[in-house]
Amino acid sequence: MVYLNYNNLDEETQQHLLSVSKKEVERKFGEDLKVYAKENHIEYTTILYEEAVKNLYSYHYIFNI
């Protein structure tokens, strides 16, 4: 679960969540994504970003107001 302060949803917080998600995706699927990117002639960073954004939707958020 991700605990967020409702008053602190600025760009910095959003970028932090995205970087955490990227690290998680890279840890879980990094090698598979590299192979997929190479086979399909796609930038690895592009695929990593797209998968990290998808991964954000799997988080459970709790907002503190």
Protein backbone atom coordinates (compact mmCIF):
# COMPACT_ATOMS: atom_id res chain seq x y z
CA MET A 1 0.00 0.00 0.00
CA VAL A 2 1.07 3.52 -0.73
CA TYR A 3 0.22 6.15 1.84
CA LEU A 4 -0.13 9.65 0.43
CA ASN A 5 -0.92 12.97 1.96
CA TYR A 6 -3.81 14.41 -0.03
CA ASN A 7 -2.22 17.89 0.16
CA ASN A 8 1.07 16.67 -1.32
CA LEU A 9 0.31 15.36 -4.81
CA ASP A 10 2.75 17.67 -6.56
CA GLU A 11 5.03 16.83 -9.49
CA GLU A 12 7.86 15.76 -7.19
CA THR A 13 5.67 13.18 -5.43
CA GLN A 14 4.38 11.86 -8.73
CA GLN A 15 7.92 11.50 -10.10
CA HIS A 16 8.97 9.70 -6.92
CA LEU A 17 6.11 7.20 -7.30
CA LEU A 18 7.04 6.66 -10.95
CA SER A 19 10.70 6.05 -10.09
CA VAL A 20 9.72 3.53 -7.40
CA SER A 21 7.47 1.80 -9.92
CA LYS A 22 10.27 1.73 -12.53
CA LYS A 23 12.64 0.09 -10.05
CA GLU A 24 10.02 -2.51 -9.15
CA VAL A 25 9.23 -3.31 -12.80
CA GLU A 26 12.92 -3.49 -13.67
CA ARG A 27 13.57 -5.82 -10.75
CA LYS A 28 10.68 -8.12 -11.68
CA PHE A 29 10.72 -8.03 -15.48
CA GLY A 30 13.93 -6.29 -16.53
CA GLU A 31 15.48 -9.13 -18.51
CA ASP A 32 12.21 -10.00 -20.25
CA LEU A 33 11.65 -6.37 -21.19
CA LYS A 34 15.17 -6.07 -22.60
CA VAL A 35 14.62 -9.12 -24.80
CA TYR A 36 11.22 -7.84 -25.93
CA ALA A 37 12.66 -4.40 -26.72
CA LYS A 38 15.48 -5.90 -28.76
CA GLU A 39 13.20 -8.27 -30.69
CA ASN A 40 10.74 -5.49 -31.54
CA HIS A 41 13.30 -2.71 -32.12
CA ILE A 42 11.89 -0.51 -29.33
CA GLU A 43 13.82 1.62 -26.85
CA TYR A 44 14.15 -0.17 -23.52
CA THR A 45 13.50 3.06 -21.61
CA THR A 46 10.22 3.56 -23.48
CA ILE A 47 8.96 0.11 -22.58
CA LEU A 48 10.17 0.50 -19.00
CA TYR A 49 8.28 3.80 -18.67
CA GLU A 50 5.07 2.34 -20.12
CA GLU A 51 5.20 -0.70 -17.87
CA ALA A 52 5.97 1.47 -14.83
CA VAL A 53 2.88 3.57 -15.51
CA LYS A 54 0.77 0.41 -15.86
CA ASN A 55 2.28 -0.87 -12.62
CA LEU A 56 1.13 2.27 -10.78
CA TYR A 57 -2.46 1.15 -11.35
CA SER A 58 -1.81 -2.03 -9.37
CA TYR A 59 -0.90 -0.12 -6.21
CA HIS A 60 -3.37 0.34 -3.38
CA TYR A 61 -3.41 3.98 -2.32
CA ILE A 62 -4.47 5.36 1.01
CA PHE A 63 -4.96 9.12 1.17
CA ASN A 64 -4.54 10.97 4.41
CA ILE A 65 -6.60 14.15 4.47
